[in-house]
Amino acid sequence: MSLKFYLAPLRGVTDVIFRSAFERYFGKIDYLLTPFITTVKGKEVALRHLKDIVGSENDRKRVIPQIIGNNPDDLLLLAKHIHLSGYTTVNWNLGCPHPLVTKKKRGSGLLPLPDLVMSILDHVVPALPGKLSVKVRLGLNDDAELERLMPLLNDYPLDEVIIHPRTGKQAYSGFVNLDRFAAAAALCRHPIVYNGDIVSPDGFRSLQHRFPEVERWMIGRGVVHQLTLLDSLRTGTERKGDPVVLRRFHDELFKENGRVLSGSSHLLGKMKEFWGYFASNFNSGKSLLKKIQRCATIDQYQHRVDEAFGEIS
């Protein structure tokens, strides 16, 4: 069996700067989903709206832009612009759990509305210039919603279905529901990607044992917390991060974000968000994160970072 690994889209984190730096230091991932791009009203999509995917550093054969919305004309317009940028596949987000998204009937807010989902697909699929995949959850509030939707999704030529076995209401809390994943997967005629709580080789082996038919696996929060996770999963052995490599990776993120963000406050906010994950690579992760979060200037931040890496070098 040829396993494929996917990078999950984490809004505000796994942008093109992160994706490029990650692969430079920690190995190439088979496919990388971008954080979702929202639909826009009108007949044009501004280039700035697509800034995360238009650069040459995006490998068009492996990067899959994700889009979110519920207006078929707007979805189609965005997908066509993405296709013109050189991509052959887009992913439709039916899984975002954030209340500000779901209350607008977007993301996982669409899962209780199978008629609306079908009406959108009926409009989009025949006119789409490339392939379409979907990323879903078990439901919004009811973890059986996907099982009711899946037979309907089978009627469309989807490239694959990515399933995160939580509800939107759960967000990222609680446990993944593997029984519900199995039930939904059994109904699906499309290739399936499993996504959710892959954080160690042992846990991954357990999932493989339970779902031997699954060949495609998506890692997200786990790999941002533990940057060597991809290597650990491929080798089956827990790999620790080299402090020198971790420092170079951090410094590249800092430099490149500083180049594109306007002002030190934006850069500081971006790096603090990153440290919400990155701090777990350090023994004093929780206290270190608090120190980083208290930094009010770039000088304070750089001092704390030097201290942190001095402890593990």
Protein backbone atom coordinates (compact mmCIF):
# COMPACT_ATOMS: atom_id res chain seq x y z
CA MET A 1 0.00 0.00 0.00
CA SER A 2 1.34 3.42 -1.00
CA LEU A 3 0.53 5.85 1.81
CA LYS A 4 -0.05 9.51 1.03
CA PHE A 5 0.24 12.29 3.61
CA TYR A 6 -1.61 15.61 3.40
CA LEU A 7 -1.04 18.85 5.30
CA ALA A 8 -4.29 20.12 6.78
CA PRO A 9 -5.24 23.76 6.33
CA LEU A 10 -4.82 25.75 9.55
CA ARG A 11 -6.01 29.31 9.08
CA GLY A 12 -3.42 31.87 10.12
CA VAL A 13 -0.67 29.24 10.35
CA THR A 14 -0.10 27.01 7.31
CA ASP A 15 0.22 29.77 4.73
CA VAL A 16 2.69 29.69 1.85
CA ILE A 17 5.55 30.92 4.06
CA PHE A 18 4.98 28.10 6.54
CA ARG A 19 4.45 25.47 3.83
CA SER A 20 7.63 26.40 1.96
CA ALA A 21 9.78 26.57 5.10
CA PHE A 22 8.37 23.33 6.49
CA GLU A 23 9.24 21.35 3.37
CA ARG A 24 12.72 22.87 3.27
CA TYR A 25 13.54 21.64 6.77
CA PHE A 26 11.25 18.69 7.52
CA GLY A 27 10.53 16.96 4.22
CA LYS A 28 8.05 17.12 1.40
CA ILE A 29 4.41 16.29 1.99
CA ASP A 30 2.47 14.53 -0.75
CA TYR A 31 -0.32 17.13 -0.83
CA LEU A 32 -0.87 20.44 0.96
CA LEU A 33 -4.27 22.10 1.42
CA THR A 34 -4.23 25.85 1.77
CA PRO A 35 -6.22 27.68 4.44
CA PHE A 36 -9.61 28.45 2.96
CA ILE A 37 -10.11 31.29 0.51
CA THR A 38 -13.50 32.94 0.86
CA THR A 39 -15.76 33.65 -2.09
CA VAL A 40 -16.29 37.23 -3.22
CA LYS A 41 -19.23 39.03 -4.75
CA GLY A 42 -18.97 40.44 -8.25
CA LYS A 43 -17.42 39.32 -11.50
CA GLU A 44 -13.75 39.59 -10.60
CA VAL A 45 -11.42 38.20 -7.94
CA ALA A 46 -8.62 40.58 -6.91
CA LEU A 47 -5.09 39.20 -7.03
CA ARG A 48 -4.59 40.04 -3.34
CA HIS A 49 -7.43 37.64 -2.55
CA LEU A 50 -5.31 34.82 -3.99
CA LYS A 51 -1.95 35.94 -2.58
CA ASP A 52 -1.41 32.66 -0.73
CA ILE A 53 -1.51 30.58 -3.91
CA VAL A 54 -0.24 32.69 -6.83
CA GLY A 55 3.48 32.57 -6.07
CA SER A 56 5.87 30.24 -7.88
CA GLU A 57 6.81 28.59 -4.57
CA ASN A 58 3.46 26.76 -4.70
CA ASP A 59 3.82 23.42 -6.47
CA ARG A 60 0.65 23.28 -8.57
CA LYS A 61 0.76 19.48 -8.64
CA ARG A 62 0.71 19.13 -4.85
CA VAL A 63 -0.89 22.27 -3.42
CA ILE A 64 -4.70 22.16 -3.30
CA PRO A 65 -6.43 25.51 -2.73
CA GLN A 66 -9.41 25.30 -0.39
CA ILE A 67 -12.46 27.50 -0.92
CA ILE A 68 -15.41 28.26 1.33
CA GLY A 69 -18.84 29.66 0.58
CA ASN A 70 -22.44 28.74 -0.21
CA ASN A 71 -23.25 30.76 -3.32
CA PRO A 72 -22.73 28.57 -6.39
CA ASP A 73 -21.94 31.45 -8.75
CA ASP A 74 -19.38 32.88 -6.34
CA LEU A 75 -17.82 29.46 -5.75
CA LEU A 76 -17.56 28.86 -9.47
CA LEU A 77 -16.03 32.28 -10.11
CA LEU A 78 -13.37 31.68 -7.45
CA ALA A 79 -12.66 28.14 -8.66
CA LYS A 80 -12.19 29.39 -12.23
CA HIS A 81 -9.69 32.04 -11.12
CA ILE A 82 -7.80 29.40 -9.16
CA HIS A 83 -7.77 27.18 -12.26
CA LEU A 84 -6.33 30.07 -14.30
CA SER A 85 -3.54 30.28 -11.70
CA GLY A 86 -2.47 26.77 -12.70
CA TYR A 87 -4.33 24.50 -10.29
CA THR A 88 -6.29 21.47 -11.42
CA THR A 89 -8.12 20.73 -8.14
CA VAL A 90 -9.95 22.81 -5.55
CA ASN A 91 -11.28 21.65 -2.21
CA TRP A 92 -14.66 22.83 -0.91
CA ASN A 93 -14.69 23.39 2.84
CA LEU A 94 -17.71 21.73 4.48
CA GLY A 95 -15.98 21.32 7.80
CA CYS A 96 -15.03 24.65 9.36
CA PRO A 97 -16.47 24.63 12.90
CA HIS A 98 -16.21 28.31 13.82
CA PRO A 99 -19.60 29.76 14.82
CA LEU A 100 -19.05 32.94 12.78
CA VAL A 101 -18.76 30.69 9.74
CA THR A 102 -21.41 28.09 10.48
CA LYS A 103 -24.15 30.59 11.32
CA LYS A 104 -23.80 31.88 7.74
CA LYS A 105 -24.41 28.33 6.45
CA ARG A 106 -20.80 27.88 5.45
CA GLY A 107 -18.30 25.21 6.42
CA SER A 108 -19.88 22.58 8.66
CA GLY A 109 -22.98 24.79 8.79
CA LEU A 110 -23.93 23.24 5.45
CA LEU A 111 -23.89 19.63 6.67
CA PRO A 112 -27.47 19.66 8.08
CA LEU A 113 -28.68 21.06 4.72
CA PRO A 114 -28.26 18.29 2.13
CA ASP A 115 -30.69 19.90 -0.34
CA LEU A 116 -28.63 23.08 -0.36
CA VAL A 117 -25.39 21.13 -0.75
CA MET A 118 -26.85 19.28 -3.74
CA SER A 119 -28.17 22.44 -5.37
CA ILE A 120 -24.69 23.99 -5.11
CA LEU A 121 -22.99 20.91 -6.53
CA ASP A 122 -25.58 20.67 -9.33
CA HIS A 123 -24.62 24.18 -10.40
CA VAL A 124 -20.87 24.04 -9.81
CA VAL A 125 -19.76 20.58 -10.91
CA PRO A 126 -20.84 20.71 -14.60
CA ALA A 127 -19.15 24.10 -15.11
CA LEU A 128 -16.01 23.47 -13.06
CA PRO A 129 -12.83 23.55 -15.20
CA GLY A 130 -10.96 21.12 -12.94
CA LYS A 131 -11.51 18.56 -10.19
CA LEU A 132 -13.36 19.07 -6.90
CA SER A 133 -12.80 17.45 -3.50
CA VAL A 134 -14.62 18.15 -0.26
CA LYS A 135 -13.51 18.33 3.37
CA VAL A 136 -16.25 17.43 5.84
CA ARG A 137 -17.01 16.67 9.46
CA LEU A 138 -19.51 14.19 10.88
CA GLY A 139 -22.09 16.96 11.10
CA LEU A 140 -22.71 20.31 12.69
CA ASN A 141 -24.49 19.25 15.90
CA ASP A 142 -25.58 15.72 14.95
CA ASP A 143 -22.80 13.23 14.26
CA ALA A 144 -25.02 11.22 11.90
CA GLU A 145 -25.50 14.09 9.42
CA LEU A 146 -22.61 12.99 7.22
CA GLU A 147 -24.04 9.49 6.95
CA ARG A 148 -27.22 11.01 5.55
CA LEU A 149 -25.29 13.27 3.20
CA MET A 150 -22.76 10.72 1.93
CA PRO A 151 -25.09 8.77 -0.43
CA LEU A 152 -25.91 12.10 -2.09
CA LEU A 153 -22.22 12.99 -2.46
CA ASN A 154 -21.73 9.68 -4.24
CA ASP A 155 -23.75 11.03 -7.16
CA TYR A 156 -21.06 13.61 -8.01
CA PRO A 157 -17.60 13.00 -9.53
CA LEU A 158 -15.64 14.13 -6.50
CA ASP A 159 -11.88 13.63 -6.49
CA GLU A 160 -11.85 12.62 -2.82
CA VAL A 161 -13.62 13.15 0.50
CA ILE A 162 -11.60 14.26 3.53
CA ILE A 163 -13.33 13.31 6.78
CA HIS A 164 -12.59 14.78 10.20
CA PRO A 165 -14.57 12.60 12.64
CA ARG A 166 -15.82 15.33 14.96
CA THR A 167 -18.88 17.54 14.74
CA GLY A 168 -18.67 21.26 14.13
CA LYS A 169 -20.03 21.83 17.64
CA GLN A 170 -17.05 19.94 19.07
CA ALA A 171 -14.57 22.10 17.16
CA TYR A 172 -11.30 20.47 18.28
CA SER A 173 -12.38 19.35 21.74
CA GLY A 174 -13.27 15.88 22.92
CA PHE A 175 -12.42 12.73 21.01
CA VAL A 176 -12.70 11.77 17.38
CA ASN A 177 -15.58 9.33 16.78
CA LEU A 178 -14.02 6.43 14.92
CA ASP A 179 -17.25 4.42 14.80
CA ARG A 180 -18.99 7.25 12.95
CA PHE A 181 -15.99 7.62 10.65
CA ALA A 182 -16.22 3.93 9.81
CA ALA A 183 -19.95 4.22 9.11
CA ALA A 184 -19.52 7.23 6.82
CA ALA A 185 -16.51 5.71 5.06
CA ALA A 186 -18.46 2.50 4.36
CA LEU A 187 -21.07 4.57 2.52
CA CYS A 188 -18.57 6.56 0.46
CA ARG A 189 -17.71 5.56 -3.12
CA HIS A 190 -14.96 8.16 -3.42
CA PRO A 191 -11.35 7.92 -2.20
CA ILE A 192 -11.22 8.87 1.48
CA VAL A 193 -8.68 10.89 3.43
CA TYR A 194 -8.68 10.46 7.21
CA ASN A 195 -8.05 13.65 9.23
CA GLY A 196 -7.97 14.04 12.99
CA ASP A 197 -5.70 13.58 16.02
CA ILE A 198 -2.74 11.93 14.30
CA VAL A 199 -0.01 12.88 16.75
CA SER A 200 2.34 9.88 17.15
CA PRO A 201 3.57 6.75 15.33
CA ASP A 202 1.77 4.50 17.83
CA GLY A 203 -1.52 6.31 17.39
CA PHE A 204 -1.11 6.24 13.63
CA ARG A 205 -0.44 2.48 13.65
CA SER A 206 -3.62 2.00 15.64
CA LEU A 207 -5.61 3.93 13.04
CA GLN A 208 -4.00 1.96 10.22
CA HIS A 209 -4.90 -1.29 11.94
CA ARG A 210 -8.52 -0.24 12.33
CA PHE A 211 -8.84 1.21 8.81
CA PRO A 212 -6.51 -0.85 6.59
CA GLU A 213 -8.33 0.32 3.46
CA VAL A 214 -7.38 3.96 4.04
CA GLU A 215 -4.28 5.06 2.14
CA ARG A 216 -4.56 8.84 2.51
CA TRP A 217 -3.88 10.57 5.82
CA MET A 218 -4.06 14.24 6.74
CA ILE A 219 -1.99 15.75 9.55
CA GLY A 220 -2.54 19.26 10.86
CA ARG A 221 -2.27 20.43 14.46
CA GLY A 222 -0.10 17.42 15.30
CA VAL A 223 2.62 18.30 12.81
CA VAL A 224 2.62 22.01 13.71
CA HIS A 225 3.03 21.08 17.37
CA GLN A 226 5.70 18.46 16.58
CA LEU A 227 7.44 19.45 13.35
CA THR A 228 9.19 16.09 13.00
CA LEU A 229 5.88 14.18 13.06
CA LEU A 230 5.88 13.51 9.31
CA ASP A 231 9.28 11.83 9.54
CA SER A 232 8.14 9.90 12.63
CA LEU A 233 5.06 8.57 10.81
CA ARG A 234 7.03 7.55 7.74
CA THR A 235 9.73 5.75 9.73
CA GLY A 236 7.48 4.45 12.52
CA THR A 237 9.93 5.81 15.11
CA GLU A 238 9.55 8.91 17.25
CA ARG A 239 11.94 11.58 15.95
CA LYS A 240 13.07 14.56 18.00
CA GLY A 241 13.65 17.94 16.45
CA ASP A 242 17.26 19.07 16.00
CA PRO A 243 17.59 22.40 17.88
CA VAL A 244 19.71 23.84 15.05
CA VAL A 245 17.06 22.96 12.47
CA LEU A 246 14.25 24.25 14.67
CA ARG A 247 16.09 27.56 15.06
CA ARG A 248 16.67 27.91 11.33
CA PHE A 249 13.03 27.13 10.65
CA HIS A 250 11.88 29.69 13.19
CA ASP A 251 14.24 32.33 11.83
CA GLU A 252 13.02 31.79 8.30
CA LEU A 253 9.40 32.23 9.38
CA PHE A 254 10.35 35.37 11.27
CA LYS A 255 12.31 36.84 8.37
CA GLU A 256 9.77 36.04 5.65
CA ASN A 257 6.78 37.19 7.66
CA GLY A 258 8.65 40.37 8.51
CA ARG A 259 9.16 40.94 4.80
CA VAL A 260 5.46 40.73 3.89
CA LEU A 261 3.65 42.01 7.00
CA SER A 262 3.14 45.71 7.64
CA GLY A 263 4.61 46.77 10.95
CA SER A 264 6.17 45.11 13.97
CA SER A 265 2.84 44.59 15.75
CA HIS A 266 1.55 42.41 12.91
CA LEU A 267 4.77 40.42 12.88
CA LEU A 268 4.68 39.98 16.64
CA GLY A 269 1.06 38.81 16.51
CA LYS A 270 1.83 36.33 13.75
CA MET A 271 4.79 34.84 15.60
CA LYS A 272 2.86 34.61 18.86
CA GLU A 273 0.18 32.60 17.07
CA PHE A 274 2.86 30.28 15.70
CA TRP A 275 4.37 29.81 19.17
CA GLY A 276 1.00 28.56 20.37
CA TYR A 277 2.03 25.39 18.55
CA PHE A 278 5.82 25.65 18.42
CA ALA A 279 6.31 25.94 22.19
CA SER A 280 5.48 22.24 22.58
CA ASN A 281 8.92 21.45 21.10
CA PHE A 282 10.48 22.77 24.33
CA ASN A 283 10.50 21.15 27.77
CA SER A 284 9.33 24.40 29.36
CA GLY A 285 6.69 24.86 26.67
CA LYS A 286 3.84 26.26 28.76
CA SER A 287 5.91 28.78 30.70
CA LEU A 288 7.83 29.71 27.56
CA LEU A 289 4.61 30.42 25.70
CA LYS A 290 3.45 32.73 28.49
CA LYS A 291 6.74 34.64 28.25
CA ILE A 292 6.42 34.93 24.48
CA GLN A 293 2.81 36.09 24.75
CA ARG A 294 3.85 38.86 27.17
CA CYS A 295 6.38 40.34 24.75
CA ALA A 296 5.38 43.85 23.70
CA THR A 297 8.25 44.62 21.33
CA ILE A 298 10.34 42.81 18.74
CA ASP A 299 13.43 43.25 20.91
CA GLN A 300 11.71 41.56 23.86
CA TYR A 301 10.53 38.80 21.56
CA GLN A 302 13.97 38.12 20.11
CA HIS A 303 15.46 38.05 23.60
CA ARG A 304 12.94 35.42 24.72
CA VAL A 305 13.57 33.36 21.60
CA ASP A 306 17.34 33.43 22.20
CA GLU A 307 16.74 32.30 25.77
CA ALA A 308 14.48 29.46 24.63
CA PHE A 309 16.93 28.06 22.11
CA GLY A 310 19.80 28.52 24.55
CA GLU A 311 18.07 26.03 26.84
CA ILE A 312 17.94 23.25 24.22
CA SER A 313 21.16 23.86 22.25
